[in-house]
Amino acid sequence: MKTKKLIIITLFVILLLLLLVLRGIWPTAEEQEENEIVILFPYSDTPMESYAFIETYRRQYEEETGVKVRIEKIRAGNPDKYTMKRNSMLYMKNGPTLLLLGPFDNAREFVEKGVALEITGKIQNQEKLYNGLKDDYYLPIKIHGRTISINRELLNKLNIPEPGLDWTLADHDYYWERALEAEDIYFNRNLFYQIVGMKIRDLTFIDEESNRALLNSNETKKVIEEIREEVFSGKYILEESYTYENYYRMFHELNSQESKDSWDKYMANSARFFIMNSVGHHYNGLTSIRMDNVFKHITTSLLVPDVRGNEIHSVGFVVNRNGKNVDLGLDFLNFLISDEIQFNIYEREAEWENATNAPVNKAIMSEVERIESNRGILEETLELRRFMTNRLDEGDYERVFYGLDSREVVIRNRFFNELIDIVFADEPYSDEELSRRLRKAENELTIYINE
């Protein structure tokens, strides 16, 4: 008896749905697909909470518009496999509508390969963005302004003034050298990357006219010698027993004892060096609430904008010109940068410590300032937030959105690996040996970038 009742009920439901479809009240599968956009997630080590806002606001958008927002995630064991699968989707008709880019992704590849749709004039709320964030192809939704923490106690000990918010790379280098005169610093992997970063600022890695890699040049050899001299100058505390094998494990084997010791030394330098490694790196200078805790409770720390590299990173989107329902995708992006959603994101994520959570819509700043006033944010904190926010209107962040030329990324990565072998060799390279090694790398890279 129960089975018959179940069959009758099932048949009734099927007939009802059929009637609804025929009358146009319930959408068919085809109609649902016509009213759908797809967001393709990136391959990234970024914590998923950075993307949590999408789940929240896609549901709200679906409820308000009836448009289905589907999230697509590619299963891949490594970035190369992900890229192969992703690229096969981008050129097909009705591919993913929107490509989500995380804090450490960039839009260059999609623009250069003709995948990205030009969005200027197609998203009404784009006009509300800070001027420096307006771009023809990339739309940031949330941003992070990088800060670093300066050790006030060390500056007092050295009797040198604190840097202003508008400090420069030249100022950074001055404080670096003065700090080394006063304190013994443990050498570690992160410190080596900082030393290299300072030394290679003016190096050119590609000859654009001939499209050749540039490694075997007098300028490069001079920089390599300067890096080796700096590492073994006596300014840093080195492990006397370390040989090339130990340094190799420090850089290439993350689970090795040398690698773990390197991290411990990096953190131990916090109390000794002018940059306090354990403070500041995860504080978003474009939002004040989390940052205020540093100013209030870590009085030895002075937060300032990070001048050593790209000063912001973001979470945002590129529109796939081959994507399905592109117009609906543009409308969804317009929704995400609306006053309401931008303020909701700010309120929801303001307390998060390591987050890309500052709004890109400057029209909501009066509401942000109201919250800051109610929370009793220190004036020192507000000055930093205002300084960095104002820079968003004045700056040009195209280089951040598009990153380095992919050819240069490959060359730089190879150069770093060559450096480790050369700098930490048990016996210094002769001029001939160095030239031979650099020439080999240069030739291999030139072939690679011309494929």
Protein backbone atom coordinates (compact mmCIF):
# COMPACT_ATOMS: atom_id res chain seq x y z
CA MET A 1 0.00 0.00 0.00
CA LYS A 2 2.80 2.40 0.93
CA THR A 3 4.62 1.59 -2.33
CA LYS A 4 1.51 2.45 -4.39
CA LYS A 5 1.11 5.75 -2.56
CA LEU A 6 4.77 6.61 -3.17
CA ILE A 7 4.40 5.84 -6.89
CA ILE A 8 1.26 7.98 -7.14
CA ILE A 9 2.97 10.91 -5.34
CA THR A 10 6.06 10.63 -7.54
CA LEU A 11 3.94 10.61 -10.72
CA PHE A 12 1.99 13.62 -9.46
CA VAL A 13 5.21 15.59 -8.81
CA ILE A 14 6.54 14.70 -12.28
CA LEU A 15 3.28 15.80 -13.92
CA LEU A 16 3.30 19.04 -11.91
CA LEU A 17 6.86 19.87 -12.93
CA LEU A 18 6.02 19.07 -16.54
CA LEU A 19 3.06 21.45 -16.44
CA LEU A 20 5.23 24.17 -14.87
CA VAL A 21 7.84 23.76 -17.60
CA LEU A 22 5.19 23.82 -20.34
CA ARG A 23 3.62 26.97 -18.89
CA GLY A 24 7.03 28.64 -18.59
CA ILE A 25 6.90 28.88 -14.79
CA TRP A 26 9.71 26.39 -14.07
CA PRO A 27 12.85 26.81 -16.21
CA THR A 28 14.08 23.95 -18.38
CA ALA A 29 17.68 22.71 -18.08
CA GLU A 30 18.52 24.68 -21.22
CA GLU A 31 16.96 27.84 -19.80
CA GLN A 32 18.82 27.38 -16.53
CA GLU A 33 22.09 27.10 -18.45
CA GLU A 34 21.23 30.23 -20.43
CA ASN A 35 20.82 32.02 -17.11
CA GLU A 36 24.13 30.87 -15.62
CA ILE A 37 27.66 32.22 -15.25
CA VAL A 38 30.73 30.19 -14.28
CA ILE A 39 33.64 31.36 -12.10
CA LEU A 40 36.89 29.46 -12.62
CA PHE A 41 39.02 29.33 -9.47
CA PRO A 42 42.82 29.63 -9.66
CA TYR A 43 45.45 27.07 -8.74
CA SER A 44 46.79 28.69 -5.62
CA ASP A 45 48.20 28.08 -2.17
CA THR A 46 46.22 31.09 -0.97
CA PRO A 47 44.00 30.23 2.05
CA MET A 48 40.45 29.67 0.85
CA GLU A 49 39.11 32.26 3.29
CA SER A 50 40.44 34.86 0.86
CA TYR A 51 37.74 33.65 -1.53
CA ALA A 52 34.98 33.06 1.04
CA PHE A 53 33.26 36.29 0.03
CA ILE A 54 32.39 34.76 -3.34
CA GLU A 55 30.27 32.02 -1.76
CA THR A 56 28.43 34.58 0.39
CA TYR A 57 27.70 37.09 -2.34
CA ARG A 58 27.05 34.68 -5.19
CA ARG A 59 24.11 33.37 -3.16
CA GLN A 60 22.81 36.88 -2.57
CA TYR A 61 23.17 37.68 -6.26
CA GLU A 62 21.33 34.47 -7.21
CA GLU A 63 18.45 35.35 -4.87
CA GLU A 64 18.18 38.91 -6.17
CA THR A 65 18.54 38.18 -9.90
CA GLY A 66 17.69 34.53 -10.48
CA VAL A 67 21.05 34.08 -12.22
CA LYS A 68 22.93 30.91 -11.29
CA VAL A 69 26.57 31.54 -10.29
CA ARG A 70 28.49 28.28 -10.56
CA ILE A 71 32.01 27.79 -9.19
CA GLU A 72 34.38 25.63 -11.23
CA LYS A 73 37.51 24.16 -9.63
CA ILE A 74 40.03 22.21 -11.67
CA ARG A 75 41.57 19.19 -9.99
CA ALA A 76 45.27 19.14 -10.81
CA GLY A 77 48.32 17.81 -9.03
CA ASN A 78 50.55 20.78 -9.85
CA PRO A 79 50.41 24.24 -11.48
CA ASP A 80 51.50 22.99 -14.91
CA LYS A 81 48.70 20.41 -15.08
CA TYR A 82 46.23 23.02 -13.86
CA THR A 83 47.33 25.46 -16.58
CA MET A 84 46.97 22.83 -19.33
CA LYS A 85 43.44 21.95 -18.22
CA ARG A 86 42.51 25.61 -17.74
CA ASN A 87 43.78 26.68 -21.16
CA SER A 88 41.76 23.96 -22.87
CA MET A 89 38.64 25.53 -21.31
CA LEU A 90 39.41 29.14 -22.17
CA TYR A 91 39.21 28.85 -25.96
CA MET A 92 36.07 26.74 -26.16
CA LYS A 93 32.73 28.34 -26.93
CA ASN A 94 30.79 29.15 -23.76
CA GLY A 95 33.80 28.57 -21.51
CA PRO A 96 34.10 29.92 -17.95
CA THR A 97 32.65 33.42 -17.70
CA LEU A 98 34.98 34.86 -15.07
CA LEU A 99 38.54 33.98 -14.12
CA LEU A 100 39.26 34.54 -10.43
CA LEU A 101 42.78 35.77 -9.67
CA GLY A 102 44.25 35.45 -6.17
CA PRO A 103 46.69 37.75 -4.34
CA PHE A 104 49.74 36.27 -6.07
CA ASP A 105 48.26 35.75 -9.55
CA ASN A 106 48.32 38.31 -12.35
CA ALA A 107 46.41 39.07 -15.53
CA ARG A 108 49.30 39.34 -18.00
CA GLU A 109 48.92 35.93 -19.65
CA PHE A 110 45.17 36.36 -20.26
CA VAL A 111 45.63 39.76 -21.88
CA GLU A 112 48.64 38.79 -24.00
CA LYS A 113 46.87 35.67 -25.32
CA GLY A 114 43.67 37.54 -26.15
CA VAL A 115 41.55 35.75 -23.56
CA ALA A 116 40.64 38.81 -21.48
CA LEU A 117 37.70 40.98 -22.51
CA GLU A 118 38.19 44.74 -22.31
CA ILE A 119 35.87 45.95 -19.54
CA THR A 120 36.29 49.74 -19.62
CA GLY A 121 32.86 51.36 -19.93
CA LYS A 122 31.03 48.04 -19.38
CA ILE A 123 30.90 48.03 -15.56
CA GLN A 124 29.13 51.08 -14.18
CA ASN A 125 30.57 50.93 -10.66
CA GLN A 126 34.12 50.80 -11.99
CA GLU A 127 34.01 54.59 -11.92
CA LYS A 128 33.83 54.40 -8.10
CA LEU A 129 37.19 52.66 -7.85
CA TYR A 130 40.33 54.49 -6.79
CA ASN A 131 41.92 55.92 -9.92
CA GLY A 132 45.01 53.74 -9.63
CA LEU A 133 42.86 50.60 -9.57
CA LYS A 134 40.99 51.27 -12.81
CA ASP A 135 42.21 48.97 -15.55
CA ASP A 136 41.07 48.00 -19.04
CA TYR A 137 41.03 44.25 -18.38
CA TYR A 138 41.41 43.45 -14.68
CA LEU A 139 38.86 44.29 -11.96
CA PRO A 140 40.11 44.10 -8.35
CA ILE A 141 37.44 43.35 -5.74
CA LYS A 142 39.54 43.47 -2.53
CA ILE A 143 43.07 44.70 -1.91
CA HIS A 144 45.91 44.44 0.60
CA GLY A 145 48.41 47.24 1.23
CA ARG A 146 51.71 45.74 2.35
CA THR A 147 53.33 47.10 5.49
CA ILE A 148 56.53 46.28 7.35
CA SER A 149 57.45 46.92 10.94
CA ILE A 150 60.42 49.10 11.85
CA ASN A 151 62.16 48.42 15.16
CA ARG A 152 61.83 51.68 17.10
CA GLU A 153 64.13 50.52 19.90
CA LEU A 154 66.95 49.92 17.44
CA LEU A 155 66.48 53.35 15.84
CA ASN A 156 66.67 54.96 19.29
CA LYS A 157 69.80 52.97 20.07
CA LEU A 158 71.38 54.18 16.82
CA ASN A 159 70.14 57.72 17.48
CA ILE A 160 68.63 58.03 14.00
CA PRO A 161 65.15 59.43 13.22
CA GLU A 162 62.18 57.27 12.37
CA PRO A 163 61.31 57.07 8.66
CA GLY A 164 58.28 58.98 7.44
CA LEU A 165 55.39 57.33 5.63
CA ASP A 166 56.86 58.56 2.35
CA TRP A 167 60.18 56.81 2.90
CA THR A 168 61.97 55.37 -0.15
CA LEU A 169 64.16 52.46 -1.19
CA ALA A 170 67.19 54.66 -0.61
CA ASP A 171 66.00 55.26 2.96
CA HIS A 172 65.50 51.52 3.40
CA ASP A 173 69.07 50.81 2.31
CA TYR A 174 70.43 53.48 4.68
CA TYR A 175 68.63 51.95 7.68
CA TRP A 176 69.78 48.48 6.61
CA GLU A 177 73.45 49.46 6.62
CA ARG A 178 73.23 51.41 9.87
CA ALA A 179 71.50 48.48 11.59
CA LEU A 180 74.22 46.08 10.44
CA GLU A 181 76.82 48.32 12.06
CA ALA A 182 75.09 47.96 15.42
CA GLU A 183 73.74 44.41 15.54
CA ASP A 184 74.93 40.92 14.71
CA ILE A 185 72.35 39.33 12.40
CA TYR A 186 71.80 35.62 11.79
CA PHE A 187 72.19 34.65 8.15
CA ASN A 188 69.19 32.76 6.75
CA ARG A 189 67.37 31.98 3.52
CA ASN A 190 65.02 34.98 3.68
CA LEU A 191 67.90 37.33 4.41
CA PHE A 192 69.75 36.02 1.35
CA TYR A 193 66.75 36.79 -0.86
CA GLN A 194 66.66 40.33 0.55
CA ILE A 195 70.37 40.81 -0.16
CA VAL A 196 69.93 39.53 -3.72
CA GLY A 197 66.85 41.69 -4.23
CA MET A 198 68.81 44.82 -3.35
CA LYS A 199 71.75 43.91 -5.55
CA ILE A 200 69.85 43.01 -8.73
CA ARG A 201 67.51 46.02 -8.89
CA ASP A 202 69.29 47.51 -11.89
CA LEU A 203 70.09 44.29 -13.74
CA THR A 204 68.57 43.67 -17.17
CA PHE A 205 67.72 40.02 -17.83
CA ILE A 206 66.46 40.22 -21.43
CA ASP A 207 67.89 41.88 -24.53
CA GLU A 208 64.61 42.94 -26.12
CA GLU A 209 66.10 43.59 -29.56
CA SER A 210 67.55 40.11 -29.96
CA ASN A 211 65.12 38.40 -27.55
CA ARG A 212 68.06 36.82 -25.74
CA ALA A 213 68.50 36.06 -22.06
CA LEU A 214 71.22 38.13 -20.42
CA LEU A 215 73.19 36.28 -17.77
CA ASN A 216 76.75 36.08 -19.03
CA SER A 217 77.39 39.83 -18.88
CA ASN A 218 80.00 41.86 -17.01
CA GLU A 219 77.21 43.54 -15.05
CA THR A 220 75.81 40.19 -13.91
CA LYS A 221 79.23 38.86 -12.94
CA LYS A 222 79.92 42.01 -10.95
CA VAL A 223 76.62 41.62 -9.06
CA ILE A 224 77.36 37.94 -8.32
CA GLU A 225 80.73 38.90 -6.85
CA GLU A 226 79.10 41.66 -4.76
CA ILE A 227 76.53 39.18 -3.41
CA ARG A 228 79.20 36.65 -2.44
CA GLU A 229 81.31 39.36 -0.77
CA GLU A 230 78.24 40.62 1.12
CA VAL A 231 77.26 37.17 2.40
CA PHE A 232 80.78 36.41 3.69
CA SER A 233 81.62 39.98 4.75
CA GLY A 234 81.40 39.23 8.47
CA LYS A 235 78.22 41.32 8.86
CA TYR A 236 76.13 38.19 9.38
CA ILE A 237 76.39 35.26 11.77
CA LEU A 238 77.09 32.15 9.66
CA GLU A 239 77.34 28.50 10.66
CA GLU A 240 81.09 27.83 10.57
CA SER A 241 80.61 24.14 9.83
CA TYR A 242 78.33 24.69 6.84
CA THR A 243 79.51 23.51 3.43
CA TYR A 244 77.80 23.79 0.06
CA GLU A 245 75.69 20.71 0.91
CA ASN A 246 74.26 22.42 3.99
CA TYR A 247 73.37 25.56 2.05
CA TYR A 248 71.83 23.47 -0.71
CA ARG A 249 69.54 21.78 1.81
CA MET A 250 68.69 25.15 3.37
CA PHE A 251 67.35 26.46 0.06
CA HIS A 252 66.02 23.37 -1.68
CA GLU A 253 64.88 20.88 0.99
CA LEU A 254 62.19 22.55 3.07
CA ASN A 255 61.95 19.65 5.55
CA SER A 256 65.68 19.57 6.21
CA GLN A 257 67.18 20.62 9.53
CA GLU A 258 69.05 23.44 7.76
CA SER A 259 65.80 24.81 6.38
CA LYS A 260 64.09 24.68 9.79
CA ASP A 261 67.08 26.34 11.44
CA SER A 262 66.97 29.05 8.78
CA TRP A 263 63.39 29.89 9.71
CA ASP A 264 64.28 30.03 13.42
CA LYS A 265 67.11 32.45 12.64
CA TYR A 266 64.83 34.58 10.51
CA MET A 267 62.41 34.96 13.42
CA ALA A 268 65.24 35.48 15.94
CA ASN A 269 66.37 38.52 13.96
CA SER A 270 63.06 40.26 14.76
CA ALA A 271 64.28 41.68 18.03
CA ARG A 272 67.69 42.61 16.62
CA PHE A 273 67.26 44.03 13.14
CA PHE A 274 65.57 47.22 11.97
CA ILE A 275 62.78 45.23 10.26
CA MET A 276 60.82 43.18 12.81
CA ASN A 277 60.05 40.01 10.88
CA SER A 278 57.43 38.75 13.30
CA VAL A 279 55.34 41.93 13.06
CA GLY A 280 53.82 43.85 10.20
CA HIS A 281 54.02 41.62 7.16
CA HIS A 282 50.42 40.42 7.46
CA TYR A 283 48.87 43.76 8.40
CA ASN A 284 46.89 45.46 5.68
CA GLY A 285 47.79 49.14 5.72
CA LEU A 286 44.58 49.95 3.85
CA THR A 287 42.39 48.88 6.78
CA SER A 288 42.89 50.22 10.26
CA ILE A 289 41.15 47.93 12.74
CA ARG A 290 43.64 45.03 12.88
CA MET A 291 46.55 47.36 12.28
CA ASP A 292 45.54 49.48 15.28
CA ASN A 293 46.31 46.57 17.63
CA VAL A 294 49.96 46.75 16.59
CA PHE A 295 50.24 50.45 17.34
CA LYS A 296 48.47 50.03 20.68
CA HIS A 297 50.09 46.84 21.97
CA ILE A 298 53.50 46.53 20.27
CA THR A 299 54.93 49.94 21.03
CA THR A 300 58.39 48.99 19.77
CA SER A 301 56.93 48.60 16.28
CA LEU A 302 56.45 51.32 13.69
CA LEU A 303 54.30 50.22 10.76
CA VAL A 304 55.15 51.86 7.43
CA PRO A 305 54.40 51.06 3.77
CA ASP A 306 56.58 48.28 2.35
CA VAL A 307 58.77 49.93 -0.31
CA ARG A 308 60.73 46.79 -1.25
CA GLY A 309 58.40 45.48 -3.96
CA ASN A 310 54.81 45.60 -5.11
CA GLU A 311 53.05 47.62 -2.43
CA ILE A 312 49.61 46.06 -2.97
CA HIS A 313 48.10 42.77 -3.99
CA SER A 314 44.49 41.98 -4.72
CA VAL A 315 41.75 39.47 -5.37
CA GLY A 316 39.86 40.15 -8.58
CA PHE A 317 38.61 38.99 -11.95
CA VAL A 318 39.32 38.84 -15.64
CA VAL A 319 36.33 38.38 -17.96
CA ASN A 320 36.78 35.58 -20.50
CA ARG A 321 35.87 36.92 -23.95
CA ASN A 322 34.88 33.35 -24.90
CA GLY A 323 32.87 32.82 -21.73
CA LYS A 324 29.19 32.00 -21.48
CA ASN A 325 26.77 34.85 -20.69
CA VAL A 326 29.45 37.53 -20.55
CA ASP A 327 26.88 40.29 -20.00
CA LEU A 328 25.63 38.52 -16.87
CA GLY A 329 29.22 38.12 -15.71
CA LEU A 330 29.80 41.87 -16.08
CA ASP A 331 26.63 42.51 -14.07
CA PHE A 332 27.86 40.21 -11.29
CA LEU A 333 31.16 42.13 -11.13
CA ASN A 334 29.23 45.40 -10.99
CA PHE A 335 27.32 43.92 -8.03
CA LEU A 336 30.55 42.95 -6.21
CA ILE A 337 31.98 46.49 -6.35
CA SER A 338 28.70 48.20 -5.44
CA ASP A 339 28.60 50.36 -2.32
CA GLU A 340 26.52 47.82 -0.40
CA ILE A 341 28.68 44.77 -1.09
CA GLN A 342 31.99 46.58 -0.69
CA PHE A 343 30.93 47.87 2.73
CA ASN A 344 29.63 44.44 3.73
CA ILE A 345 32.97 42.87 2.82
CA TYR A 346 34.80 45.52 4.82
CA GLU A 347 32.61 45.03 7.90
CA ARG A 348 32.77 41.24 7.70
CA GLU A 349 36.53 40.94 7.22
CA ALA A 350 37.88 44.00 9.08
CA GLU A 351 39.13 41.91 12.01
CA TRP A 352 40.96 39.36 9.87
CA GLU A 353 44.71 39.51 10.38
CA ASN A 354 46.23 38.00 7.25
CA ALA A 355 43.70 39.13 4.69
CA THR A 356 43.24 40.87 1.39
CA ASN A 357 40.20 42.72 2.66
CA ALA A 358 40.33 46.46 1.93
CA PRO A 359 37.56 47.89 -0.26
CA VAL A 360 38.30 49.12 -3.77
CA ASN A 361 35.24 51.38 -3.90
CA LYS A 362 36.21 54.80 -2.53
CA ALA A 363 32.57 55.94 -2.35
CA ILE A 364 32.16 54.06 0.96
CA MET A 365 35.06 55.78 2.75
CA SER A 366 32.76 58.08 4.75
CA GLU A 367 31.15 54.97 6.26
CA VAL A 368 34.57 53.44 6.93
CA GLU A 369 35.67 56.62 8.71
CA ARG A 370 32.50 56.51 10.82
CA ILE A 371 33.40 53.01 12.01
CA GLU A 372 36.98 54.10 12.69
CA SER A 373 35.70 56.97 14.82
CA ASN A 374 33.38 54.69 16.80
CA ARG A 375 36.21 52.21 17.40
CA GLY A 376 38.61 54.83 18.76
CA ILE A 377 41.36 54.11 16.25
CA LEU A 378 44.66 55.86 17.07
CA GLU A 379 45.56 58.88 14.97
CA GLU A 380 48.89 57.27 14.10
CA THR A 381 47.03 54.31 12.62
CA LEU A 382 44.65 56.58 10.72
CA GLU A 383 47.54 58.56 9.25
CA LEU A 384 49.02 55.37 7.78
CA ARG A 385 45.67 54.19 6.40
CA ARG A 386 44.95 57.62 4.87
CA PHE A 387 48.43 57.85 3.36
CA MET A 388 48.14 54.44 1.71
CA THR A 389 44.53 55.03 0.63
CA ASN A 390 45.47 58.35 -0.98
CA ARG A 391 48.25 56.60 -2.87
CA LEU A 392 45.60 54.39 -4.50
CA ASP A 393 44.16 57.46 -6.20
CA GLU A 394 47.55 58.70 -7.35
CA GLY A 395 49.37 55.50 -8.28
CA ASP A 396 49.47 53.35 -11.38
CA TYR A 397 49.25 49.67 -10.44
CA GLU A 398 49.35 48.14 -13.91
CA ARG A 399 52.72 46.53 -13.11
CA VAL A 400 51.12 44.89 -10.05
CA PHE A 401 48.07 43.63 -11.94
CA TYR A 402 50.17 42.25 -14.79
CA GLY A 403 53.34 41.15 -13.01
CA LEU A 404 56.68 40.53 -14.67
CA ASP A 405 56.97 39.34 -18.23
CA SER A 406 56.67 35.54 -18.03
CA ARG A 407 60.02 35.24 -19.85
CA GLU A 408 61.70 37.32 -17.15
CA VAL A 409 60.12 35.25 -14.37
CA VAL A 410 61.71 32.11 -15.84
CA ILE A 411 65.10 33.81 -16.20
CA ARG A 412 65.06 35.25 -12.69
CA ASN A 413 64.15 31.87 -11.17
CA ARG A 414 67.02 30.21 -13.02
CA PHE A 415 69.38 33.01 -11.96
CA PHE A 416 68.47 32.47 -8.29
CA ASN A 417 69.22 28.77 -8.58
CA GLU A 418 72.53 29.46 -10.31
CA LEU A 419 73.38 31.98 -7.59
CA ILE A 420 72.95 29.45 -4.80
CA ASP A 421 75.41 27.08 -6.46
CA ILE A 422 77.91 29.84 -7.27
CA VAL A 423 77.81 31.87 -4.06
CA PHE A 424 77.95 28.91 -1.68
CA ALA A 425 80.42 26.77 -3.62
CA ASP A 426 83.14 25.41 -1.34
CA GLU A 427 85.74 26.86 -3.72
CA PRO A 428 85.13 30.16 -5.53
CA TYR A 429 84.51 29.91 -9.27
CA SER A 430 87.28 31.10 -11.56
CA ASP A 431 86.36 33.70 -14.21
CA GLU A 432 86.46 31.01 -16.87
CA GLU A 433 84.28 28.59 -14.88
CA LEU A 434 81.78 31.35 -14.10
CA SER A 435 81.56 32.43 -17.74
CA ARG A 436 81.08 28.84 -18.88
CA ARG A 437 78.28 28.24 -16.41
CA LEU A 438 76.48 31.51 -17.13
CA ARG A 439 76.85 31.08 -20.89
CA LYS A 440 75.28 27.61 -20.70
CA ALA A 441 72.33 28.92 -18.67
CA GLU A 442 71.98 31.93 -20.98
CA ASN A 443 71.86 29.76 -24.12
CA GLU A 444 69.33 27.35 -22.62
CA LEU A 445 67.10 30.20 -21.50
CA THR A 446 67.33 31.95 -24.86
CA ILE A 447 66.12 28.77 -26.60
CA TYR A 448 63.31 28.45 -24.04
CA ILE A 449 61.96 31.99 -24.41
CA ASN A 450 62.01 31.73 -28.21
CA GLU A 451 60.06 28.48 -28.41
